[in-house]
């Protein structure tokens, strides 16, 4: 099976502090891969580098078969991200937000399909500020899927989801 992502000897320093010190790993297409470790181990920094939010000091990333020093715009078109906490626009309807995010990408999933798979069909015309915490988290997941990503990063995506919603849509790992 083809590698979706490979990291070789990744390093990141914040002044004299080694946040990431020579990390290497890979994950295959279709595979769920989890970074585990104690607080301060560099997990967030690694993920931020892979999402294109930070730049590594050294090391190599092979993204979908293409070596790259950093994750750039072309790679970001193929990535979906669900942050642990997402600040969503509040005075916009759910459907409008999905359509707005879709306008940022060349390849997208239909709004109707995203509403369905994230159990938001009945909230399509609801302002984001009127959603419950779990509904906002489901919207964040839908937004991460809007560009039909080949690689998706999930930072505690079930935070705020009720147990029934987690089971219904397969969000339990």
Protein backbone atom coordinates (compact mmCIF):
# COMPACT_ATOMS: atom_id res chain seq x y z
CA UNK A 1 0.00 0.00 0.00
CA UNK A 2 1.18 3.52 -0.83
CA UNK A 3 2.43 5.88 1.87
CA UNK A 4 0.24 8.92 2.41
CA UNK A 5 2.78 10.67 4.58
CA UNK A 6 6.38 10.06 5.57
CA UNK A 7 8.45 12.12 7.99
CA UNK A 8 12.23 11.72 8.15
CA UNK A 9 14.44 13.13 10.90
CA UNK A 10 12.11 16.07 11.62
CA UNK A 11 13.54 18.72 13.96
CA UNK A 12 12.09 21.92 15.40
CA UNK A 13 13.67 24.22 17.97
CA UNK A 14 12.24 27.12 19.92
CA UNK A 15 15.41 28.92 20.91
CA UNK A 16 17.46 26.41 22.91
CA UNK A 17 14.46 24.09 23.44
CA UNK A 18 14.25 21.00 21.23
CA UNK A 19 10.51 20.66 20.60
CA UNK A 20 10.98 17.91 18.01
CA UNK A 21 14.27 16.03 17.86
CA UNK A 22 14.79 13.71 14.90
CA UNK A 23 11.31 12.22 14.59
CA UNK A 24 10.66 9.75 11.76
CA UNK A 25 7.47 7.83 10.90
CA UNK A 26 5.10 7.07 8.06
CA UNK A 27 1.44 6.26 7.57
CA UNK A 28 -0.22 4.47 4.68
CA UNK A 29 -3.18 5.63 2.59
CA UNK A 30 -6.40 4.63 4.32
CA UNK A 31 -4.64 4.09 7.65
CA UNK A 32 -5.56 5.75 10.92
CA UNK A 33 -2.33 6.91 12.55
CA UNK A 34 -2.14 8.29 16.07
CA UNK A 35 0.58 10.35 17.73
CA UNK A 36 0.70 9.54 21.43
CA UNK A 37 2.98 10.88 24.11
CA UNK A 38 3.17 12.93 27.28
CA UNK A 39 2.49 16.66 27.41
CA UNK A 40 5.43 18.58 25.97
CA UNK A 41 6.59 15.70 23.77
CA UNK A 42 6.20 17.74 20.58
CA UNK A 43 3.01 16.17 19.20
CA UNK A 44 1.29 19.48 18.53
CA UNK A 45 4.42 20.92 16.90
CA UNK A 46 4.72 17.88 14.61
CA UNK A 47 1.08 18.13 13.57
CA UNK A 48 1.35 21.90 13.02
CA UNK A 49 4.34 21.32 10.74
CA UNK A 50 2.41 18.68 8.79
CA UNK A 51 -0.60 20.98 8.49
CA UNK A 52 1.61 23.75 7.11
CA UNK A 53 1.13 26.03 10.13
CA UNK A 54 4.80 25.89 11.19
CA UNK A 55 8.04 25.22 9.38
CA UNK A 56 10.51 22.55 10.51
CA UNK A 57 14.11 23.54 11.13
CA UNK A 58 15.29 20.39 9.34
CA UNK A 59 14.09 17.04 8.12
CA UNK A 60 12.05 15.86 5.18
CA UNK A 61 8.36 15.35 4.57
CA UNK A 62 7.10 13.12 1.77
CA UNK A 63 3.46 14.02 1.18
CA UNK A 64 1.51 11.67 -1.10
CA UNK A 65 4.73 10.56 -2.77
CA UNK A 66 6.18 14.05 -3.27
CA UNK A 67 9.17 15.17 -1.17
CA UNK A 68 8.75 18.66 0.22
CA UNK A 69 10.64 20.79 2.72
CA UNK A 70 7.39 22.26 3.99
CA UNK A 71 3.67 21.86 3.39
CA UNK A 72 2.72 24.49 0.82
CA UNK A 73 -0.47 25.61 -0.90
CA UNK A 74 -0.65 22.65 -3.29
CA UNK A 75 -0.42 20.21 -0.39
CA UNK A 76 -2.93 22.17 1.71
CA UNK A 77 -5.50 21.70 -1.09
CA UNK A 78 -5.31 17.98 -0.29
CA UNK A 79 -5.46 18.23 3.53
CA UNK A 80 -8.40 18.47 5.92
CA UNK A 81 -7.95 19.67 9.50
CA UNK A 82 -10.13 19.45 12.62
CA UNK A 83 -8.60 21.41 15.47
CA UNK A 84 -9.32 20.59 19.11
CA UNK A 85 -10.96 24.00 19.45
CA UNK A 86 -12.27 25.82 16.42
CA UNK A 87 -13.43 29.42 16.39
CA UNK A 88 -16.18 29.48 13.79
CA UNK A 89 -17.85 32.53 12.33
CA UNK A 90 -21.00 33.00 14.40
CA UNK A 91 -23.32 35.22 12.33
CA UNK A 92 -23.49 32.94 9.30
CA UNK A 93 -25.75 30.00 8.50
CA UNK A 94 -24.33 26.48 8.50
CA UNK A 95 -25.00 26.01 4.76
CA UNK A 96 -23.43 29.39 3.95
CA UNK A 97 -20.30 28.54 5.91
CA UNK A 98 -19.90 25.23 4.07
CA UNK A 99 -20.42 26.97 0.72
CA UNK A 100 -17.95 29.71 1.65
CA UNK A 101 -15.26 27.18 2.60
CA UNK A 102 -15.97 25.22 -0.60
CA UNK A 103 -15.23 28.39 -2.60
CA UNK A 104 -11.63 28.26 -1.33
CA UNK A 105 -10.91 24.93 -3.07
CA UNK A 106 -10.79 23.62 -6.62
CA UNK A 107 -12.22 20.22 -5.60
CA UNK A 108 -15.15 19.91 -3.18
CA UNK A 109 -17.79 17.62 -1.71
CA UNK A 110 -21.42 18.70 -2.12
CA UNK A 111 -22.90 20.71 0.73
CA UNK A 112 -25.89 18.35 0.88
CA UNK A 113 -23.60 15.34 1.36
CA UNK A 114 -21.58 17.07 4.09
CA UNK A 115 -24.77 18.07 5.92
CA UNK A 116 -25.97 14.47 5.72
CA UNK A 117 -22.81 12.69 6.85
CA UNK A 118 -22.35 15.11 9.75
CA UNK A 119 -26.04 14.97 10.79
CA UNK A 120 -26.59 18.68 10.17
CA UNK A 121 -29.36 18.55 7.54
CA UNK A 122 -31.91 20.08 9.92
CA UNK A 123 -29.42 22.82 10.89
CA UNK A 124 -28.50 23.96 7.38
CA UNK A 125 -30.30 27.31 7.77
CA UNK A 126 -29.37 27.82 11.43
CA UNK A 127 -26.88 30.49 12.46
CA UNK A 128 -23.66 28.96 13.78
CA UNK A 129 -24.06 30.92 17.03
CA UNK A 130 -27.28 28.96 17.71
CA UNK A 131 -25.65 25.53 17.41
CA UNK A 132 -24.84 23.39 20.44
CA UNK A 133 -21.20 22.56 21.17
CA UNK A 134 -21.57 19.12 19.59
CA UNK A 135 -23.22 20.57 16.49
CA UNK A 136 -20.37 23.07 16.15
CA UNK A 137 -17.88 20.22 16.36
CA UNK A 138 -19.78 18.32 13.65
CA UNK A 139 -19.67 21.49 11.53
CA UNK A 140 -15.89 21.68 12.08
CA UNK A 141 -15.64 18.08 10.84
CA UNK A 142 -17.77 18.93 7.78
CA UNK A 143 -15.52 21.92 7.05
CA UNK A 144 -12.46 19.65 7.22
CA UNK A 145 -14.07 17.36 4.64
CA UNK A 146 -15.30 20.10 2.26
CA UNK A 147 -12.29 19.78 -0.07
CA UNK A 148 -12.48 15.96 -0.24
CA UNK A 149 -9.06 15.65 1.43
CA UNK A 150 -6.65 12.81 0.82
CA UNK A 151 -5.09 13.31 4.27
CA UNK A 152 -7.02 14.52 7.30
CA UNK A 153 -5.63 15.64 10.65
CA UNK A 154 -7.94 15.25 13.63
CA UNK A 155 -7.03 16.81 16.98
CA UNK A 156 -9.49 15.27 19.44
CA UNK A 157 -12.38 15.44 16.93
CA UNK A 158 -14.94 13.84 19.25
CA UNK A 159 -14.60 16.58 21.89
CA UNK A 160 -18.09 17.92 22.52
CA UNK A 161 -19.87 15.18 20.56
CA UNK A 162 -22.52 13.27 22.47
CA UNK A 163 -22.00 9.48 22.63
CA UNK A 164 -24.93 8.81 20.26
CA UNK A 165 -23.52 11.13 17.59
CA UNK A 166 -20.12 9.47 17.93
CA UNK A 167 -21.59 6.01 17.35
CA UNK A 168 -23.97 7.06 14.56
CA UNK A 169 -21.30 8.50 12.31
CA UNK A 170 -18.39 6.25 13.22
CA UNK A 171 -16.42 8.90 15.07
CA UNK A 172 -15.42 6.51 17.87
CA UNK A 173 -11.92 5.21 17.29
